[in-house]
PDB file of N, CA and C in Angstrom:
ATOM      1  N   MET A   1     141.657 167.356  99.482  1.00  0.00           N
ATOM      2  CA  MET A   1     142.912 167.627  99.469  1.00  0.00           C
ATOM      3  C   MET A   1     143.157 167.267 101.513  1.00  0.00           C
ATOM      4  N   ASN A   2     144.325 166.058 101.605  1.00  0.00           N
ATOM      5  CA  ASN A   2     145.013 165.543 102.704  1.00  0.00           C
ATOM      6  C   ASN A   2     145.665 166.296 103.323  1.00  0.00           C
ATOM      7  N   ASP A   3     145.443 166.435 104.117  1.00  0.00           N
ATOM      8  CA  ASP A   3     146.267 167.635 105.649  1.00  0.00           C
ATOM      9  C   ASP A   3     146.919 166.477 106.180  1.00  0.00           C
ATOM     10  N   SER A   4     147.292 165.406 106.031  1.00  0.00           N
ATOM     11  CA  SER A   4     147.427 164.175 107.057  1.00  0.00           C
ATOM     12  C   SER A   4     148.641 163.348 106.131  1.00  0.00           C
ATOM     13  N   ASN A   5     149.570 162.236 106.748  1.00  0.00           N
ATOM     14  CA  ASN A   5     150.361 161.455 105.158  1.00  0.00           C
ATOM     15  C   ASN A   5     149.614 160.346 106.908  1.00  0.00           C
ATOM     16  N   LEU A   6     149.092 159.371 106.466  1.00  0.00           N
ATOM     17  CA  LEU A   6     149.280 158.062 107.011  1.00  0.00           C
ATOM     18  C   LEU A   6     149.822 156.729 106.325  1.00  0.00           C
ATOM     19  N   TYR A   7     150.564 156.267 107.855  1.00  0.00           N
ATOM     20  CA  TYR A   7     152.264 155.281 108.150  1.00  0.00           C
ATOM     21  C   TYR A   7     152.106 153.787 108.972  1.00  0.00           C
ATOM     22  N   ARG A   8     151.899 153.292 107.229  1.00  0.00           N
ATOM     23  CA  ARG A   8     151.904 152.524 108.387  1.00  0.00           C
ATOM     24  C   ARG A   8     153.171 150.959 108.660  1.00  0.00           C
ATOM     25  N   VAL A   9     153.859 150.484 109.872  1.00  0.00           N
ATOM     26  CA  VAL A   9     154.789 149.800 110.025  1.00  0.00           C
ATOM     27  C   VAL A   9     153.755 148.631 109.894  1.00  0.00           C
ATOM     28  N   TYR A  10     154.668 147.073 109.016  1.00  0.00           N
ATOM     29  CA  TYR A  10     154.332 145.883 109.082  1.00  0.00           C
ATOM     30  C   TYR A  10     155.773 144.934 109.672  1.00  0.00           C
ATOM     31  N   ASP A  11     155.332 144.064 110.192  1.00  0.00           N
ATOM     32  CA  ASP A  11     156.591 143.114 110.572  1.00  0.00           C
ATOM     33  C   ASP A  11     156.870 142.112 109.689  1.00  0.00           C
ATOM     34  N   ASP A  12     158.255 141.089 109.982  1.00  0.00           N
ATOM     35  CA  ASP A  12     158.313 140.330 108.472  1.00  0.00           C
ATOM     36  C   ASP A  12     157.183 139.608 107.936  1.00  0.00           C
ATOM     37  N   LYS A  13     156.471 139.255 108.826  1.00  0.00           N
ATOM     38  CA  LYS A  13     155.796 139.039 108.017  1.00  0.00           C
ATOM     39  C   LYS A  13     154.315 139.194 107.786  1.00  0.00           C
ATOM     40  N   LEU A  14     154.313 140.555 107.569  1.00  0.00           N
ATOM     41  CA  LEU A  14     153.657 141.916 107.054  1.00  0.00           C
ATOM     42  C   LEU A  14     151.938 141.700 107.119  1.00  0.00           C
ATOM     43  N   ASP A  15     152.118 141.696 108.854  1.00  0.00           N
ATOM     44  CA  ASP A  15     151.241 142.000 109.880  1.00  0.00           C
ATOM     45  C   ASP A  15     151.524 142.824 110.781  1.00  0.00           C
ATOM     46  N   LEU A  16     150.910 143.797 110.599  1.00  0.00           N
ATOM     47  CA  LEU A  16     150.363 145.605 111.001  1.00  0.00           C
ATOM     48  C   LEU A  16     150.448 145.034 112.214  1.00  0.00           C
ATOM     49  N   LEU A  17     151.995 146.183 112.651  1.00  0.00           N
ATOM     50  CA  LEU A  17     152.631 146.694 114.314  1.00  0.00           C
ATOM     51  C   LEU A  17     151.675 147.742 114.902  1.00  0.00           C
ATOM     52  N   TYR A  18     152.630 148.816 113.339  1.00  0.00           N
ATOM     53  CA  TYR A  18     151.509 150.194 114.199  1.00  0.00           C
ATOM     54  C   TYR A  18     151.405 150.651 112.876  1.00  0.00           C
ATOM     55  N   GLU A  19     150.687 151.580 113.282  1.00  0.00           N
ATOM     56  CA  GLU A  19     149.393 152.783 112.540  1.00  0.00           C
ATOM     57  C   GLU A  19     149.946 154.271 113.276  1.00  0.00           C
ATOM     58  N   ALA A  20     149.761 155.002 112.390  1.00  0.00           N
ATOM     59  CA  ALA A  20     150.060 156.447 112.714  1.00  0.00           C
ATOM     60  C   ALA A  20     149.400 157.503 111.672  1.00  0.00           C
ATOM     61  N   ARG A  21     148.604 158.843 112.218  1.00  0.00           N
ATOM     62  CA  ARG A  21     148.609 159.551 110.925  1.00  0.00           C
ATOM     63  C   ARG A  21     149.297 161.056 111.776  1.00  0.00           C
ATOM     64  N   VAL A  22     150.169 161.491 110.463  1.00  0.00           N
ATOM     65  CA  VAL A  22     150.346 162.500 110.977  1.00  0.00           C
ATOM     66  C   VAL A  22     150.213 163.437 110.582  1.00  0.00           C
ATOM     67  N   LYS A  23     149.827 164.861 110.685  1.00  0.00           N
ATOM     68  CA  LYS A  23     149.284 166.043 110.253  1.00  0.00           C
ATOM     69  C   LYS A  23     150.893 166.086 109.431  1.00  0.00           C
ATOM     70  N   LEU A  24     150.836 167.034 108.459  1.00  0.00           N
ATOM     71  CA  LEU A  24     151.608 167.400 107.153  1.00  0.00           C
ATOM     72  C   LEU A  24     152.386 168.707 108.007  1.00  0.00           C
ATOM     73  N   ASN A  25     151.665 169.957 109.270  1.00  0.00           N
ATOM     74  CA  ASN A  25     152.317 170.535 109.480  1.00  0.00           C
ATOM     75  C   ASN A  25     152.499 170.570 110.892  1.00  0.00           C
ATOM     76  N   GLN A  26     152.672 169.220 110.950  1.00  0.00           N
ATOM     77  CA  GLN A  26     153.535 168.670 112.344  1.00  0.00           C
ATOM     78  C   GLN A  26     155.143 168.880 112.703  1.00  0.00           C
ATOM     79  N   LYS A  27     155.139 169.320 113.633  1.00  0.00           N
ATOM     80  CA  LYS A  27     156.941 168.613 114.130  1.00  0.00           C
ATOM     81  C   LYS A  27     157.531 168.404 114.019  1.00  0.00           C
ATOM     82  N   SER A  28     156.926 166.958 113.616  1.00  0.00           N
ATOM     83  CA  SER A  28     157.985 165.343 114.887  1.00  0.00           C
ATOM     84  C   SER A  28     156.696 164.520 114.022  1.00  0.00           C
ATOM     85  N   LYS A  29     156.647 163.504 113.776  1.00  0.00           N
ATOM     86  CA  LYS A  29     156.199 162.497 114.429  1.00  0.00           C
ATOM     87  C   LYS A  29     156.998 161.180 115.903  1.00  0.00           C
ATOM     88  N   ASP A  30     155.552 161.182 115.506  1.00  0.00           N
ATOM     89  CA  ASP A  30     155.731 160.197 117.380  1.00  0.00           C
ATOM     90  C   ASP A  30     156.872 158.941 117.777  1.00  0.00           C
ATOM     91  N   SER A  31     158.023 159.265 118.837  1.00  0.00           N
ATOM     92  CA  SER A  31     158.608 158.780 119.268  1.00  0.00           C
ATOM     93  C   SER A  31     158.955 157.602 119.010  1.00  0.00           C
ATOM     94  N   LYS A  32     157.838 156.553 119.412  1.00  0.00           N
ATOM     95  CA  LYS A  32     157.495 155.379 118.383  1.00  0.00           C
ATOM     96  C   LYS A  32     157.553 155.026 116.929  1.00  0.00           C
ATOM     97  N   LEU A  33     157.107 155.684 116.299  1.00  0.00           N
ATOM     98  CA  LEU A  33     156.309 155.665 114.743  1.00  0.00           C
ATOM     99  C   LEU A  33     158.398 155.669 114.352  1.00  0.00           C
ATOM    100  N   ASN A  34     159.362 156.723 115.364  1.00  0.00           N
ATOM    101  CA  ASN A  34     160.301 157.431 115.282  1.00  0.00           C
ATOM    102  C   ASN A  34     161.350 155.722 115.076  1.00  0.00           C
ATOM    103  N   THR A  35     161.044 154.992 115.938  1.00  0.00           N
ATOM    104  CA  THR A  35     161.501 154.096 116.254  1.00  0.00           C
ATOM    105  C   THR A  35     161.827 152.793 115.258  1.00  0.00           C
ATOM    106  N   LEU A  36     160.362 152.878 114.492  1.00  0.00           N
ATOM    107  CA  LEU A  36     159.690 151.411 114.052  1.00  0.00           C
ATOM    108  C   LEU A  36     160.590 151.711 113.295  1.00  0.00           C
ATOM    109  N   ILE A  37     160.213 153.110 112.439  1.00  0.00           N
ATOM    110  CA  ILE A  37     160.525 153.685 110.815  1.00  0.00           C
ATOM    111  C   ILE A  37     162.179 153.983 110.733  1.00  0.00           C
ATOM    112  N   ASP A  38     162.920 153.983 111.904  1.00  0.00           N
ATOM    113  CA  ASP A  38     164.798 153.511 111.429  1.00  0.00           C
ATOM    114  C   ASP A  38     164.948 151.892 111.772  1.00  0.00           C
ATOM    115  N   LYS A  39     164.225 151.000 112.223  1.00  0.00           N
ATOM    116  CA  LYS A  39     164.053 149.820 111.951  1.00  0.00           C
ATOM    117  C   LYS A  39     163.384 149.093 110.942  1.00  0.00           C
ATOM    118  N   SER A  40     163.352 149.636 110.033  1.00  0.00           N
ATOM    119  CA  SER A  40     162.483 149.478 108.881  1.00  0.00           C
ATOM    120  C   SER A  40     163.045 149.961 106.741  1.00  0.00           C
ATOM    121  N   ARG A  41     161.860 149.175 106.500  1.00  0.00           N
ATOM    122  CA  ARG A  41     162.216 149.895 104.993  1.00  0.00           C
ATOM    123  C   ARG A  41     160.911 150.731 104.303  1.00  0.00           C
ATOM    124  N   LEU A  42     160.737 151.272 103.709  1.00  0.00           N
ATOM    125  CA  LEU A  42     159.964 151.655 102.746  1.00  0.00           C
ATOM    126  C   LEU A  42     159.339 151.018 101.559  1.00  0.00           C
ATOM    127  N   PHE A  43     158.338 150.461 101.913  1.00  0.00           N
ATOM    128  CA  PHE A  43     158.053 149.541 100.967  1.00  0.00           C
ATOM    129  C   PHE A  43     157.003 149.913  99.635  1.00  0.00           C
ATOM    130  N   LEU A  44     156.469 150.575 100.391  1.00  0.00           N
ATOM    131  CA  LEU A  44     154.828 151.365  99.062  1.00  0.00           C
ATOM    132  C   LEU A  44     154.927 152.779  99.986  1.00  0.00           C
ATOM    133  N   ASN A  45     154.942 153.605  98.970  1.00  0.00           N
ATOM    134  CA  ASN A  45     154.276 155.010  98.635  1.00  0.00           C
ATOM    135  C   ASN A  45     153.621 155.346  98.379  1.00  0.00           C
ATOM    136  N   ILE A  46     151.738 155.704  98.237  1.00  0.00           N
ATOM    137  CA  ILE A  46     151.192 156.068  97.792  1.00  0.00           C
ATOM    138  C   ILE A  46     150.761 157.154  98.435  1.00  0.00           C
ATOM    139  N   GLU A  47     150.814 158.295  97.620  1.00  0.00           N
ATOM    140  CA  GLU A  47     150.130 159.672  97.418  1.00  0.00           C
ATOM    141  C   GLU A  47     150.544 159.731  99.557  1.00  0.00           C
ATOM    142  N   ASN A  48     149.473 159.448 100.081  1.00  0.00           N
ATOM    143  CA  ASN A  48     149.528 160.049 101.533  1.00  0.00           C
ATOM    144  C   ASN A  48     150.067 159.071 102.911  1.00  0.00           C
ATOM    145  N   LEU A  49     150.153 157.797 101.937  1.00  0.00           N
ATOM    146  CA  LEU A  49     149.868 156.943 102.499  1.00  0.00           C
ATOM    147  C   LEU A  49     151.736 156.168 102.412  1.00  0.00           C
ATOM    148  N   LYS A  50     152.091 155.786 103.465  1.00  0.00           N
ATOM    149  CA  LYS A  50     154.025 155.379 103.907  1.00  0.00           C
ATOM    150  C   LYS A  50     153.796 153.924 103.970  1.00  0.00           C
ATOM    151  N   CYS A  51     154.544 152.741 103.844  1.00  0.00           N
ATOM    152  CA  CYS A  51     154.392 151.132 104.608  1.00  0.00           C
ATOM    153  C   CYS A  51     155.113 151.281 104.971  1.00  0.00           C
ATOM    154  N   TYR A  52     155.468 150.547 105.806  1.00  0.00           N
ATOM    155  CA  TYR A  52     157.425 150.378 106.231  1.00  0.00           C
ATOM    156  C   TYR A  52     157.508 149.125 106.823  1.00  0.00           C
ATOM    157  N   ARG A  53     157.980 148.118 106.119  1.00  0.00           N
ATOM    158  CA  ARG A  53     158.939 146.308 106.577  1.00  0.00           C
ATOM    159  C   ARG A  53     159.554 146.710 107.501  1.00  0.00           C
ATOM    160  N   ILE A  54     159.418 145.454 108.827  1.00  0.00           N
ATOM    161  CA  ILE A  54     161.096 145.173 110.042  1.00  0.00           C
ATOM    162  C   ILE A  54     161.487 144.159 109.122  1.00  0.00           C
ATOM    163  N   GLU A  55     162.685 144.236 108.296  1.00  0.00           N
ATOM    164  CA  GLU A  55     163.505 143.203 107.550  1.00  0.00           C
ATOM    165  C   GLU A  55     163.538 141.922 108.606  1.00  0.00           C
ATOM    166  N   PRO A  56     163.252 141.361 107.677  1.00  0.00           N
ATOM    167  CA  PRO A  56     163.675 139.727 108.419  1.00  0.00           C
ATOM    168  C   PRO A  56     164.532 139.352 108.325  1.00  0.00           C
ATOM    169  N   VAL A  57     165.154 138.685 109.876  1.00  0.00           N
ATOM    170  CA  VAL A  57     166.436 137.990 110.428  1.00  0.00           C
ATOM    171  C   VAL A  57     166.535 136.520 109.684  1.00  0.00           C
ATOM    172  N   LEU A  58     167.851 136.637 109.042  1.00  0.00           N
ATOM    173  CA  LEU A  58     168.309 135.724 108.121  1.00  0.00           C
ATOM    174  C   LEU A  58     168.970 134.559 108.828  1.00  0.00           C
TER     175      LEU A  58
END
């Protein structure tokens, strides 16, 4: 059983920008992860893995 979630944030070309593991009982995520998630869109969510992508500027 997994006791943490893995977050990955990719840029608009799908290059990995940031990766963080957050324990399930942890009160908050780190501030850099929160900032990147706010700028991103979730595109993959499988069990304990969540992947976000920063939207490309058109």
